[in-house]
Amino acid sequence: MKPLTEQEIRAAFVNCSKGEAKRLSVPRDLAERPWDDLDFLGWRDPQAPDRAYLVTELDGRPRALVLRGSGNPVAGQSRRSMCTMCLTSHTGGVCLMVAPKAGKAGQQGNSVGAYICSDLACSLYVRGKKDAGAGARLHESLTLEEKIQRTVANLAAFIAKVTS
């Protein structure tokens, strides 16, 4: 993914008003992010941990979503859950992220949800740059590039549901 500026990120939101996009918390360390290893940039709002955001590039344009998380996972949770984006299995590291639908459907309260890595670091888990612990990644015969393509396709499908 190519590096994005704060202005590009704010302009990319598809499921909130321009005013909301202008007020939301954008990471200050954009220049230090590992852009070459990211299929999407995801972050949580430090002032409101139940709010999360992600931005990616689809069809040559940045697209961003406002999400509501089910909160930070409980560290002592023993049940393993799998992220629907990157297929990484975590013990307590996956939460339900809900995105209001774009347009009138979202204004009427309709939303779309998916179980996603709580820290939104799917790209780093897929590439082995971040470790989710023993048994987190299933043994697969897919190449790294195929795993990345699958993650991107899963994300694109989620965004399509939000914008449809």
C-alpha atoms as a PDB file:
ATOM      1  CA  MET A   1       0.000   0.000   0.000  1.00  0.00           C
ATOM      2  CA  LYS A   2       1.319   3.457  -0.804  1.00  0.00           C
ATOM      3  CA  PRO A   3       1.746   5.925   2.057  1.00  0.00           C
ATOM      4  CA  LEU A   4      -1.263   8.155   2.676  1.00  0.00           C
ATOM      5  CA  THR A   5      -1.503  11.620   4.145  1.00  0.00           C
ATOM      6  CA  GLU A   6      -3.922  12.639   6.867  1.00  0.00           C
ATOM      7  CA  GLN A   7      -5.973  14.566   4.289  1.00  0.00           C
ATOM      8  CA  GLU A   8      -6.196  11.539   1.966  1.00  0.00           C
ATOM      9  CA  ILE A   9      -7.296   9.351   4.863  1.00  0.00           C
ATOM     10  CA  ARG A  10      -9.988  11.784   6.029  1.00  0.00           C
ATOM     11  CA  ALA A  11     -11.340  12.160   2.477  1.00  0.00           C
ATOM     12  CA  ALA A  12     -11.522   8.365   2.024  1.00  0.00           C
ATOM     13  CA  PHE A  13     -14.217   7.586   4.617  1.00  0.00           C
ATOM     14  CA  VAL A  14     -17.321   6.100   3.011  1.00  0.00           C
ATOM     15  CA  ASN A  15     -19.537   5.453   6.042  1.00  0.00           C
ATOM     16  CA  CYS A  16     -19.484   8.686   8.026  1.00  0.00           C
ATOM     17  CA  SER A  17     -20.138  12.350   7.407  1.00  0.00           C
ATOM     18  CA  LYS A  18     -17.399  14.749   6.302  1.00  0.00           C
ATOM     19  CA  GLY A  19     -17.683  16.422   9.700  1.00  0.00           C
ATOM     20  CA  GLU A  20     -17.137  13.129  11.519  1.00  0.00           C
ATOM     21  CA  ALA A  21     -14.164  12.335   9.273  1.00  0.00           C
ATOM     22  CA  LYS A  22     -12.700  15.751  10.030  1.00  0.00           C
ATOM     23  CA  ARG A  23     -12.969  15.181  13.808  1.00  0.00           C
ATOM     24  CA  LEU A  24     -11.788  11.573  14.071  1.00  0.00           C
ATOM     25  CA  SER A  25      -8.397  10.637  15.463  1.00  0.00           C
ATOM     26  CA  VAL A  26      -5.797   9.871  12.756  1.00  0.00           C
ATOM     27  CA  PRO A  27      -2.452   8.327  13.810  1.00  0.00           C
ATOM     28  CA  ARG A  28       0.301  10.904  14.156  1.00  0.00           C
ATOM     29  CA  ASP A  29       3.018   8.436  13.163  1.00  0.00           C
ATOM     30  CA  LEU A  30       1.929   7.947   9.546  1.00  0.00           C
ATOM     31  CA  ALA A  31       5.485   8.466   8.255  1.00  0.00           C
ATOM     32  CA  GLU A  32       6.776   5.623  10.484  1.00  0.00           C
ATOM     33  CA  ARG A  33       4.166   3.046   9.474  1.00  0.00           C
ATOM     34  CA  PRO A  34       5.441  -0.011   7.530  1.00  0.00           C
ATOM     35  CA  TRP A  35       3.475   0.928   4.381  1.00  0.00           C
ATOM     36  CA  ASP A  36       5.186  -1.693   2.192  1.00  0.00           C
ATOM     37  CA  ASP A  37       3.877  -4.420   4.518  1.00  0.00           C
ATOM     38  CA  LEU A  38       0.323  -3.068   4.838  1.00  0.00           C
ATOM     39  CA  ASP A  39      -2.710  -4.180   2.865  1.00  0.00           C
ATOM     40  CA  PHE A  40      -4.671  -1.729   4.984  1.00  0.00           C
ATOM     41  CA  LEU A  41      -3.923   0.717   7.745  1.00  0.00           C
ATOM     42  CA  GLY A  42      -5.978   0.023  10.833  1.00  0.00           C
ATOM     43  CA  TRP A  43      -6.012   1.777  14.197  1.00  0.00           C
ATOM     44  CA  ARG A  44      -8.075   2.291  17.312  1.00  0.00           C
ATOM     45  CA  ASP A  45      -9.017   5.689  18.691  1.00  0.00           C
ATOM     46  CA  PRO A  46      -6.958   6.202  21.876  1.00  0.00           C
ATOM     47  CA  GLN A  47      -9.708   8.397  23.387  1.00  0.00           C
ATOM     48  CA  ALA A  48     -12.481   5.912  22.551  1.00  0.00           C
ATOM     49  CA  PRO A  49     -11.108   2.331  22.394  1.00  0.00           C
ATOM     50  CA  ASP A  50     -14.398   0.952  21.053  1.00  0.00           C
ATOM     51  CA  ARG A  51     -13.891   3.054  17.893  1.00  0.00           C
ATOM     52  CA  ALA A  52     -11.594   1.765  15.182  1.00  0.00           C
ATOM     53  CA  TYR A  53     -10.772   2.789  11.642  1.00  0.00           C
ATOM     54  CA  LEU A  54      -9.262   1.204   8.595  1.00  0.00           C
ATOM     55  CA  VAL A  55      -8.169   2.549   5.246  1.00  0.00           C
ATOM     56  CA  THR A  56      -7.055   0.661   2.152  1.00  0.00           C
ATOM     57  CA  GLU A  57      -6.667   1.223  -1.533  1.00  0.00           C
ATOM     58  CA  LEU A  58      -9.344  -0.241  -3.813  1.00  0.00           C
ATOM     59  CA  ASP A  59      -9.502   0.368  -7.550  1.00  0.00           C
ATOM     60  CA  GLY A  60      -6.675   2.888  -7.224  1.00  0.00           C
ATOM     61  CA  ARG A  61      -8.499   5.012  -4.612  1.00  0.00           C
ATOM     62  CA  PRO A  62      -8.253   5.084  -0.828  1.00  0.00           C
ATOM     63  CA  ARG A  63     -11.363   3.776   0.963  1.00  0.00           C
ATOM     64  CA  ALA A  64     -11.805   4.068   4.700  1.00  0.00           C
ATOM     65  CA  LEU A  65     -14.314   2.743   7.235  1.00  0.00           C
ATOM     66  CA  VAL A  66     -15.408   3.772  10.703  1.00  0.00           C
ATOM     67  CA  LEU A  67     -15.819   0.693  12.906  1.00  0.00           C
ATOM     68  CA  ARG A  68     -17.139  -0.028  16.375  1.00  0.00           C
ATOM     69  CA  GLY A  69     -15.267  -2.785  18.166  1.00  0.00           C
ATOM     70  CA  SER A  70     -16.666  -5.002  20.865  1.00  0.00           C
ATOM     71  CA  GLY A  71     -13.946  -3.578  23.084  1.00  0.00           C
ATOM     72  CA  ASN A  72     -10.469  -4.842  23.765  1.00  0.00           C
ATOM     73  CA  PRO A  73     -10.321  -8.613  24.096  1.00  0.00           C
ATOM     74  CA  VAL A  74      -9.892 -10.063  27.547  1.00  0.00           C
ATOM     75  CA  ALA A  75      -6.259 -11.105  27.969  1.00  0.00           C
ATOM     76  CA  GLY A  76      -7.146 -14.189  30.000  1.00  0.00           C
ATOM     77  CA  GLN A  77      -9.751 -15.395  27.520  1.00  0.00           C
ATOM     78  CA  SER A  78      -9.130 -19.046  26.684  1.00  0.00           C
ATOM     79  CA  ARG A  79     -11.363 -19.416  23.618  1.00  0.00           C
ATOM     80  CA  ARG A  80      -9.567 -19.177  20.282  1.00  0.00           C
ATOM     81  CA  SER A  81     -11.172 -17.073  17.573  1.00  0.00           C
ATOM     82  CA  MET A  82     -10.208 -16.588  13.947  1.00  0.00           C
ATOM     83  CA  CYS A  83     -10.017 -13.310  12.076  1.00  0.00           C
ATOM     84  CA  THR A  84     -12.211 -13.363   8.967  1.00  0.00           C
ATOM     85  CA  MET A  85      -9.788 -11.084   7.077  1.00  0.00           C
ATOM     86  CA  CYS A  86      -6.405 -12.757   7.526  1.00  0.00           C
ATOM     87  CA  LEU A  87      -7.455 -16.128   9.008  1.00  0.00           C
ATOM     88  CA  THR A  88      -5.145 -15.728  11.996  1.00  0.00           C
ATOM     89  CA  SER A  89      -6.337 -17.543  15.099  1.00  0.00           C
ATOM     90  CA  HIS A  90      -5.959 -15.729  18.424  1.00  0.00           C
ATOM     91  CA  THR A  91      -6.706 -16.456  22.040  1.00  0.00           C
ATOM     92  CA  GLY A  92      -8.553 -13.278  22.939  1.00  0.00           C
ATOM     93  CA  GLY A  93      -7.147 -11.280  20.009  1.00  0.00           C
ATOM     94  CA  VAL A  94     -10.204 -11.129  17.742  1.00  0.00           C
ATOM     95  CA  CYS A  95     -13.270  -8.978  18.255  1.00  0.00           C
ATOM     96  CA  LEU A  96     -16.449  -8.193  16.396  1.00  0.00           C
ATOM     97  CA  MET A  97     -16.011  -4.990  14.397  1.00  0.00           C
ATOM     98  CA  VAL A  98     -19.221  -3.393  13.156  1.00  0.00           C
ATOM     99  CA  ALA A  99     -19.313  -0.792  10.386  1.00  0.00           C
ATOM    100  CA  PRO A 100     -22.362   1.394   9.756  1.00  0.00           C
ATOM    101  CA  LYS A 101     -23.483   0.976   6.164  1.00  0.00           C
ATOM    102  CA  ALA A 102     -22.800   3.862   3.824  1.00  0.00           C
ATOM    103  CA  GLY A 103     -25.559   6.276   2.815  1.00  0.00           C
ATOM    104  CA  LYS A 104     -29.223   6.061   3.790  1.00  0.00           C
ATOM    105  CA  ALA A 105     -28.934   2.482   5.013  1.00  0.00           C
ATOM    106  CA  GLY A 106     -26.350   3.576   7.590  1.00  0.00           C
ATOM    107  CA  GLN A 107     -28.468   6.577   8.597  1.00  0.00           C
ATOM    108  CA  GLN A 108     -31.297   4.121   9.267  1.00  0.00           C
ATOM    109  CA  GLY A 109     -29.020   2.144  11.600  1.00  0.00           C
ATOM    110  CA  ASN A 110     -28.022  -0.717   9.295  1.00  0.00           C
ATOM    111  CA  SER A 111     -24.554  -2.136   9.778  1.00  0.00           C
ATOM    112  CA  VAL A 112     -22.220  -4.936   8.736  1.00  0.00           C
ATOM    113  CA  GLY A 113     -19.974  -6.861  11.111  1.00  0.00           C
ATOM    114  CA  ALA A 114     -16.927  -9.097  10.886  1.00  0.00           C
ATOM    115  CA  TYR A 115     -14.553 -10.726  13.337  1.00  0.00           C
ATOM    116  CA  ILE A 116     -11.223  -8.958  12.855  1.00  0.00           C
ATOM    117  CA  CYS A 117      -7.880  -8.933  14.677  1.00  0.00           C
ATOM    118  CA  SER A 118      -8.414  -6.577  17.621  1.00  0.00           C
ATOM    119  CA  ASP A 119      -5.230  -4.649  16.856  1.00  0.00           C
ATOM    120  CA  LEU A 120      -6.087  -4.465  13.112  1.00  0.00           C
ATOM    121  CA  ALA A 121      -2.611  -5.800  12.275  1.00  0.00           C
ATOM    122  CA  CYS A 122      -3.806  -8.482   9.829  1.00  0.00           C
ATOM    123  CA  SER A 123      -1.202  -7.522   7.212  1.00  0.00           C
ATOM    124  CA  LEU A 124       1.629  -8.059   9.684  1.00  0.00           C
ATOM    125  CA  TYR A 125       0.266 -11.423  10.895  1.00  0.00           C
ATOM    126  CA  VAL A 126      -0.043 -12.708   7.311  1.00  0.00           C
ATOM    127  CA  ARG A 127       3.557 -11.706   6.553  1.00  0.00           C
ATOM    128  CA  GLY A 128       4.914 -13.152   9.806  1.00  0.00           C
ATOM    129  CA  LYS A 129       6.039  -9.678  10.974  1.00  0.00           C
ATOM    130  CA  LYS A 130       3.875  -9.956  14.084  1.00  0.00           C
ATOM    131  CA  ASP A 131       3.363 -13.121  16.108  1.00  0.00           C
ATOM    132  CA  ALA A 132      -0.051 -14.062  17.479  1.00  0.00           C
ATOM    133  CA  GLY A 133       1.341 -17.032  19.423  1.00  0.00           C
ATOM    134  CA  ALA A 134       1.524 -20.778  18.959  1.00  0.00           C
ATOM    135  CA  GLY A 135      -1.009 -22.199  16.524  1.00  0.00           C
ATOM    136  CA  ALA A 136      -2.043 -18.766  15.275  1.00  0.00           C
ATOM    137  CA  ARG A 137      -1.402 -19.471  11.611  1.00  0.00           C
ATOM    138  CA  LEU A 138      -2.732 -22.637  10.040  1.00  0.00           C
ATOM    139  CA  HIS A 139      -0.305 -24.598   7.896  1.00  0.00           C
ATOM    140  CA  GLU A 140      -1.311 -23.872   4.312  1.00  0.00           C
ATOM    141  CA  SER A 141       0.159 -24.686   0.925  1.00  0.00           C
ATOM    142  CA  LEU A 142      -0.607 -21.166  -0.312  1.00  0.00           C
ATOM    143  CA  THR A 143       2.263 -18.833  -1.099  1.00  0.00           C
ATOM    144  CA  LEU A 144       2.664 -15.623   0.850  1.00  0.00           C
ATOM    145  CA  GLU A 145       1.397 -13.689  -2.170  1.00  0.00           C
ATOM    146  CA  GLU A 146      -1.745 -15.864  -2.309  1.00  0.00           C
ATOM    147  CA  LYS A 147      -2.377 -15.310   1.409  1.00  0.00           C
ATOM    148  CA  ILE A 148      -2.002 -11.552   0.887  1.00  0.00           C
ATOM    149  CA  GLN A 149      -4.404 -11.679  -2.078  1.00  0.00           C
ATOM    150  CA  ARG A 150      -6.937 -13.599   0.023  1.00  0.00           C
ATOM    151  CA  THR A 151      -6.716 -11.004   2.828  1.00  0.00           C
ATOM    152  CA  VAL A 152      -7.183  -8.170   0.316  1.00  0.00           C
ATOM    153  CA  ALA A 153     -10.158  -9.989  -1.255  1.00  0.00           C
ATOM    154  CA  ASN A 154     -11.762 -10.543   2.173  1.00  0.00           C
ATOM    155  CA  LEU A 155     -11.316  -6.869   3.004  1.00  0.00           C
ATOM    156  CA  ALA A 156     -12.710  -5.785  -0.388  1.00  0.00           C
ATOM    157  CA  ALA A 157     -15.761  -8.012   0.165  1.00  0.00           C
ATOM    158  CA  PHE A 158     -16.335  -6.450   3.598  1.00  0.00           C
ATOM    159  CA  ILE A 159     -16.088  -2.925   2.168  1.00  0.00           C
ATOM    160  CA  ALA A 160     -18.465  -3.921  -0.647  1.00  0.00           C
ATOM    161  CA  LYS A 161     -21.046  -5.012   1.951  1.00  0.00           C
ATOM    162  CA  VAL A 162     -20.679  -1.682   3.760  1.00  0.00           C
ATOM    163  CA  THR A 163     -21.081   0.352   0.565  1.00  0.00           C
ATOM    164  CA  SER A 164     -23.858  -1.700  -1.071  1.00  0.00           C
END
